[in-house]
Amino acid sequence: MKARLPQGMGGGPSNMQGMIKQAQKMQEMIENKKAELEEKEYTTSSGGGMVEVTVNGKHEIKSIGINPEVVDPEDVEMLEDMLLAALNEAMRQIDETEEREMNAVTGGLNIPGL
C-alpha cells in the first residue's frame, strides 16, 4: 500500500518552483531591510548627556558632541570613558535593531551570512 501525501505536499516541480520564488522574495526583502538599516542613525549619550555620539547602521561615527563643562585637562580619562560608553551603547543598539528587524523578515530562521 502506498502512502499518500495531502494535497499540495510532495516534491513535484511546481512545489520546488514555489519554494525558489519564496526564497528569492525573502532574499529581496533581506537586502531591502539591510539597506534601510544601514541608513538609520543612532544617537546615544553618556555622563548624564555630557557626551553624545551619532552612529549610522554601517557602524560609522557621524558626530560626537562634548559639553564644554566636561573638558577637564586634569581628568582626560573620564572624557575617554564617557566617549567609549556612548560609542559602545550606539553599537549595541545597532546590533540589537538589526537582529530584531532581520528576525522579522526571516521569521526567525538562522540564515548564514546575515
Protein backbone atom coordinates (compact mmCIF):
# COMPACT_ATOMS: atom_id res chain seq x y z
CA MET A 1 0.00 0.00 0.00
CA LYS A 2 1.37 3.39 -0.98
CA ALA A 3 1.32 6.30 1.43
CA ARG A 4 -0.31 9.39 0.07
CA LEU A 5 0.66 12.93 0.93
CA PRO A 6 -2.00 15.58 1.44
CA GLN A 7 -2.84 17.84 -1.47
CA GLY A 8 -0.07 20.39 -2.07
CA MET A 9 2.55 18.29 -0.30
CA GLY A 10 5.22 16.40 -2.12
CA GLY A 11 8.20 17.07 -4.28
CA GLY A 12 6.67 17.94 -7.59
CA PRO A 13 8.30 20.50 -9.90
CA SER A 14 5.68 23.16 -9.20
CA ASN A 15 6.32 22.89 -5.45
CA MET A 16 10.07 23.36 -6.00
CA GLN A 17 9.46 26.42 -8.17
CA GLY A 18 7.26 27.88 -5.44
CA MET A 19 9.96 27.35 -2.86
CA ILE A 20 12.55 29.02 -5.11
CA LYS A 21 10.27 32.01 -5.70
CA GLN A 22 9.64 32.29 -1.96
CA ALA A 23 13.40 32.16 -1.24
CA GLN A 24 14.06 34.83 -3.87
CA LYS A 25 11.37 37.06 -2.39
CA MET A 26 12.87 36.62 1.09
CA GLN A 27 16.34 37.45 -0.25
CA GLU A 28 14.99 40.65 -1.81
CA MET A 29 13.28 41.61 1.46
CA ILE A 30 16.52 40.96 3.37
CA GLU A 31 18.54 43.15 1.01
CA ASN A 32 15.98 45.95 1.28
CA LYS A 33 15.97 45.73 5.07
CA LYS A 34 19.79 45.78 5.20
CA ALA A 35 19.89 48.93 3.08
CA GLU A 36 17.25 50.55 5.28
CA LEU A 37 19.14 49.66 8.47
CA GLU A 38 22.45 50.98 7.10
CA GLU A 39 20.87 54.42 6.59
CA LYS A 40 19.36 54.58 10.07
CA GLU A 41 21.14 56.76 12.65
CA TYR A 42 21.51 56.06 16.35
CA THR A 43 22.25 58.80 18.87
CA THR A 44 23.30 57.91 22.39
CA SER A 45 24.80 59.79 25.30
CA SER A 46 26.73 59.14 28.48
CA GLY A 47 27.77 61.07 31.55
CA GLY A 48 24.28 62.44 32.01
CA GLY A 49 24.26 63.89 28.49
CA MET A 50 27.75 65.36 28.68
CA VAL A 51 28.90 63.29 25.70
CA GLU A 52 26.68 62.46 22.73
CA VAL A 53 27.52 60.35 19.69
CA THR A 54 25.65 59.63 16.46
CA VAL A 55 26.45 56.45 14.52
CA ASN A 56 24.83 55.06 11.37
CA GLY A 57 23.83 51.47 10.69
CA LYS A 58 27.15 50.83 8.94
CA HIS A 59 28.86 51.40 12.31
CA GLU A 60 30.30 54.71 11.06
CA ILE A 61 30.60 57.54 13.58
CA LYS A 62 28.73 60.54 12.17
CA SER A 63 29.21 63.03 15.01
CA ILE A 64 30.50 63.46 18.54
CA GLY A 65 29.25 66.20 20.83
CA ILE A 66 31.06 67.10 24.04
CA ASN A 67 29.66 69.52 26.60
CA PRO A 68 32.44 72.03 27.39
CA GLU A 69 31.82 71.52 31.11
CA VAL A 70 33.25 68.01 30.89
CA VAL A 71 36.55 69.07 29.33
CA ASP A 72 38.96 68.96 32.26
CA PRO A 73 42.66 68.80 31.33
CA GLU A 74 43.26 67.14 34.69
CA ASP A 75 40.79 64.31 34.01
CA VAL A 76 41.04 63.27 30.36
CA GLU A 77 40.39 59.65 31.35
CA MET A 78 36.82 60.47 32.40
CA LEU A 79 36.11 62.03 29.00
CA GLU A 80 37.61 58.98 27.25
CA ASP A 81 35.45 56.67 29.38
CA MET A 82 32.30 58.62 28.55
CA LEU A 83 33.12 58.52 24.83
CA LEU A 84 33.69 54.77 24.98
CA ALA A 85 30.44 54.23 26.88
CA ALA A 86 28.40 56.26 24.39
CA LEU A 87 30.01 54.62 21.35
CA ASN A 88 29.60 51.11 22.73
CA GLU A 89 25.93 51.78 23.52
CA ALA A 90 25.34 53.04 19.98
CA MET A 91 26.98 49.93 18.51
CA ARG A 92 24.90 47.70 20.80
CA GLN A 93 21.71 49.46 19.65
CA ILE A 94 22.65 48.96 16.00
CA ASP A 95 23.25 45.24 16.51
CA GLU A 96 20.08 44.81 18.56
CA THR A 97 17.92 46.62 15.99
CA GLU A 98 19.47 44.72 13.10
CA GLU A 99 18.85 41.37 14.78
CA ARG A 100 15.24 42.25 15.62
CA GLU A 101 14.48 43.58 12.13
CA MET A 102 16.10 40.64 10.34
CA ASN A 103 14.24 38.15 12.53
CA ALA A 104 11.02 39.86 11.47
CA VAL A 105 11.94 39.37 7.80
CA THR A 106 13.24 35.80 8.07
CA GLY A 107 10.69 34.59 10.59
CA GLY A 108 13.49 33.66 12.99
CA LEU A 109 15.27 31.40 10.51
CA ASN A 110 19.01 31.34 11.07
CA ILE A 111 20.37 32.14 7.62
CA PRO A 112 24.17 32.07 7.36
CA GLY A 113 25.79 35.36 6.41
CA LEU A 114 23.12 37.61 7.92
